[in-house]
Every structure is written in C-alpha cells, then in structure tokens.
Amino acid sequence: MPSAKLHVVPCRPEHREEFTAPELDVLEHAEAMTGTQPSVSDEPAARLIEELGAPAYVELTAMVVVENLRSRMNSAFGLTGQGSSDRCAVPSRA
C-alpha cells in the first residue's frame, strides 16, 4: 500500500475517495471484527466474498483474528515493539 494511503487510514471517512471499494470493505470488516463489541454485518461480508472469493475471505478474517489476538495479548502483558521504536515507522509526507 502506498504510504500516502497509510497516512489517511485513521481518517478515511474524510478521504474515502483515496481507497477502492474493496479496500474500504476490508477496513470496515477489520474494524467491525476487532471492536470491543464485534459488529460484523452480512452486507460487507457478502461484498468481500463476492470480490475476493470465499477462500480469500476466510484467510482475511483469520489474519484479522490472529493480529487482534496478538495485539490484545501484547497489550495485556505490557509488551511493546522489539525493534528500534514503539511505533510503526511510516515515512513522513514531507
């Protein structure tokens, strides 16, 4: 994903035009799955299955589950990045 898109992911409602429809569906699906109260709905899931195919939808869903588990477990144990920083290094737009 181009770094310009990475910078607008957190504020994508104001920048929807920068994402394709499948990208928006993937982001919506991941957020719906990982909320404290999961709220996955049938319509976005059906669109993803149609766009990606059922096997890819299952793989996407499984990866979101794995990363959510990893994130929550790391947070519970107070773990931070093992590398040179505690944050994802996304290059500045400047």
C-alpha atoms as a PDB file:
ATOM      1  CA  MET A   1       0.000   0.000   0.000  1.00  0.00           C
ATOM      2  CA  PRO A   2       1.426   3.406  -0.897  1.00  0.00           C
ATOM      3  CA  SER A   3       2.500   5.460   2.114  1.00  0.00           C
ATOM      4  CA  ALA A   4       0.069   8.240   1.128  1.00  0.00           C
ATOM      5  CA  LYS A   5      -2.806   5.829   1.787  1.00  0.00           C
ATOM      6  CA  LEU A   6      -1.310   4.680   5.079  1.00  0.00           C
ATOM      7  CA  HIS A   7      -1.375   8.247   6.354  1.00  0.00           C
ATOM      8  CA  VAL A   8      -5.112   8.621   5.755  1.00  0.00           C
ATOM      9  CA  VAL A   9      -6.295   5.237   7.070  1.00  0.00           C
ATOM     10  CA  PRO A  10      -7.107   6.661  10.519  1.00  0.00           C
ATOM     11  CA  CYS A  11      -9.186   9.452   8.969  1.00  0.00           C
ATOM     12  CA  ARG A  12     -10.508   7.561   5.969  1.00  0.00           C
ATOM     13  CA  PRO A  13     -14.143   8.730   6.345  1.00  0.00           C
ATOM     14  CA  GLU A  14     -12.884  12.137   5.198  1.00  0.00           C
ATOM     15  CA  HIS A  15     -10.718  10.554   2.468  1.00  0.00           C
ATOM     16  CA  ARG A  16     -12.904   7.758   1.088  1.00  0.00           C
ATOM     17  CA  GLU A  17     -12.016   8.742  -2.477  1.00  0.00           C
ATOM     18  CA  GLU A  18      -8.422   7.576  -1.908  1.00  0.00           C
ATOM     19  CA  PHE A  19      -9.491   3.959  -1.378  1.00  0.00           C
ATOM     20  CA  THR A  20     -11.030   1.391  -3.662  1.00  0.00           C
ATOM     21  CA  ALA A  21     -14.381  -0.114  -2.696  1.00  0.00           C
ATOM     22  CA  PRO A  22     -12.758  -3.458  -1.728  1.00  0.00           C
ATOM     23  CA  GLU A  23     -10.160  -1.659   0.417  1.00  0.00           C
ATOM     24  CA  LEU A  24     -12.915   0.194   2.256  1.00  0.00           C
ATOM     25  CA  ASP A  25     -14.782  -3.099   2.758  1.00  0.00           C
ATOM     26  CA  VAL A  26     -11.636  -4.771   4.152  1.00  0.00           C
ATOM     27  CA  LEU A  27     -11.022  -1.905   6.580  1.00  0.00           C
ATOM     28  CA  GLU A  28     -14.677  -1.894   7.643  1.00  0.00           C
ATOM     29  CA  HIS A  29     -14.590  -5.666   8.149  1.00  0.00           C
ATOM     30  CA  ALA A  30     -11.428  -5.499  10.266  1.00  0.00           C
ATOM     31  CA  GLU A  31     -12.815  -2.711  12.434  1.00  0.00           C
ATOM     32  CA  ALA A  32     -16.140  -4.496  12.859  1.00  0.00           C
ATOM     33  CA  MET A  33     -14.344  -7.685  13.907  1.00  0.00           C
ATOM     34  CA  THR A  34     -11.979  -6.065  16.387  1.00  0.00           C
ATOM     35  CA  GLY A  35     -14.322  -3.774  18.253  1.00  0.00           C
ATOM     36  CA  THR A  36     -14.912  -4.443  21.927  1.00  0.00           C
ATOM     37  CA  GLN A  37     -18.388  -5.425  20.837  1.00  0.00           C
ATOM     38  CA  PRO A  38     -17.826  -7.124  17.434  1.00  0.00           C
ATOM     39  CA  SER A  39     -20.345  -5.921  14.867  1.00  0.00           C
ATOM     40  CA  VAL A  40     -19.734  -7.773  11.611  1.00  0.00           C
ATOM     41  CA  SER A  41     -22.725  -7.419   9.324  1.00  0.00           C
ATOM     42  CA  ASP A  42     -23.791  -9.578   6.417  1.00  0.00           C
ATOM     43  CA  GLU A  43     -23.673  -6.946   3.659  1.00  0.00           C
ATOM     44  CA  PRO A  44     -19.971  -6.001   3.811  1.00  0.00           C
ATOM     45  CA  ALA A  45     -19.064  -9.661   4.324  1.00  0.00           C
ATOM     46  CA  ALA A  46     -21.080 -10.647   1.241  1.00  0.00           C
ATOM     47  CA  ARG A  47     -19.372  -7.937  -0.823  1.00  0.00           C
ATOM     48  CA  LEU A  48     -15.946  -9.195   0.262  1.00  0.00           C
ATOM     49  CA  ILE A  49     -16.849 -12.801  -0.530  1.00  0.00           C
ATOM     50  CA  GLU A  50     -18.040 -11.738  -3.966  1.00  0.00           C
ATOM     51  CA  GLU A  51     -14.960  -9.579  -4.616  1.00  0.00           C
ATOM     52  CA  LEU A  52     -12.291 -11.841  -3.089  1.00  0.00           C
ATOM     53  CA  GLY A  53     -13.864 -15.286  -3.154  1.00  0.00           C
ATOM     54  CA  ALA A  54     -14.730 -17.390  -0.121  1.00  0.00           C
ATOM     55  CA  PRO A  55     -11.221 -18.816   0.485  1.00  0.00           C
ATOM     56  CA  ALA A  56      -9.636 -15.345   0.498  1.00  0.00           C
ATOM     57  CA  TYR A  57     -12.404 -14.028   2.755  1.00  0.00           C
ATOM     58  CA  VAL A  58     -11.689 -16.823   5.233  1.00  0.00           C
ATOM     59  CA  GLU A  59      -7.952 -16.073   5.062  1.00  0.00           C
ATOM     60  CA  LEU A  60      -8.533 -12.333   5.555  1.00  0.00           C
ATOM     61  CA  THR A  61     -10.810 -12.992   8.514  1.00  0.00           C
ATOM     62  CA  ALA A  62      -8.315 -15.416  10.053  1.00  0.00           C
ATOM     63  CA  MET A  63      -5.468 -12.887   9.730  1.00  0.00           C
ATOM     64  CA  VAL A  64      -7.546 -10.168  11.377  1.00  0.00           C
ATOM     65  CA  VAL A  65      -8.274 -12.593  14.234  1.00  0.00           C
ATOM     66  CA  VAL A  66      -4.592 -13.512  14.637  1.00  0.00           C
ATOM     67  CA  GLU A  67      -3.396  -9.895  14.638  1.00  0.00           C
ATOM     68  CA  ASN A  68      -6.165  -8.821  17.019  1.00  0.00           C
ATOM     69  CA  LEU A  69      -5.241 -11.645  19.394  1.00  0.00           C
ATOM     70  CA  ARG A  70      -1.560 -10.735  19.187  1.00  0.00           C
ATOM     71  CA  SER A  71      -2.270  -7.050  19.792  1.00  0.00           C
ATOM     72  CA  ARG A  72      -4.546  -7.642  22.762  1.00  0.00           C
ATOM     73  CA  MET A  73      -2.215 -10.183  24.333  1.00  0.00           C
ATOM     74  CA  ASN A  74       0.813  -7.911  23.914  1.00  0.00           C
ATOM     75  CA  SER A  75      -1.149  -5.057  25.455  1.00  0.00           C
ATOM     76  CA  ALA A  76      -2.195  -7.202  28.420  1.00  0.00           C
ATOM     77  CA  PHE A  77       1.434  -8.151  29.060  1.00  0.00           C
ATOM     78  CA  GLY A  78       2.670  -4.584  28.580  1.00  0.00           C
ATOM     79  CA  LEU A  79       4.786  -5.603  25.610  1.00  0.00           C
ATOM     80  CA  THR A  80       5.990  -3.046  23.116  1.00  0.00           C
ATOM     81  CA  GLY A  81       7.938  -3.301  19.882  1.00  0.00           C
ATOM     82  CA  GLN A  82      11.129  -5.313  19.957  1.00  0.00           C
ATOM     83  CA  GLY A  83      12.766  -3.194  17.286  1.00  0.00           C
ATOM     84  CA  SER A  84      14.109   0.320  17.208  1.00  0.00           C
ATOM     85  CA  SER A  85      10.810   2.045  18.023  1.00  0.00           C
ATOM     86  CA  ASP A  86       7.452   1.519  19.691  1.00  0.00           C
ATOM     87  CA  ARG A  87       5.549   2.806  16.657  1.00  0.00           C
ATOM     88  CA  CYS A  88       5.152   1.750  13.086  1.00  0.00           C
ATOM     89  CA  ALA A  89       7.603   3.815  11.084  1.00  0.00           C
ATOM     90  CA  VAL A  90       5.547   5.329   8.285  1.00  0.00           C
ATOM     91  CA  PRO A  91       7.621   7.821   6.334  1.00  0.00           C
ATOM     92  CA  SER A  92       6.570  11.437   6.661  1.00  0.00           C
ATOM     93  CA  ARG A  93       4.717  13.038   3.762  1.00  0.00           C
ATOM     94  CA  ALA A  94       7.239  15.857   3.674  1.00  0.00           C
END
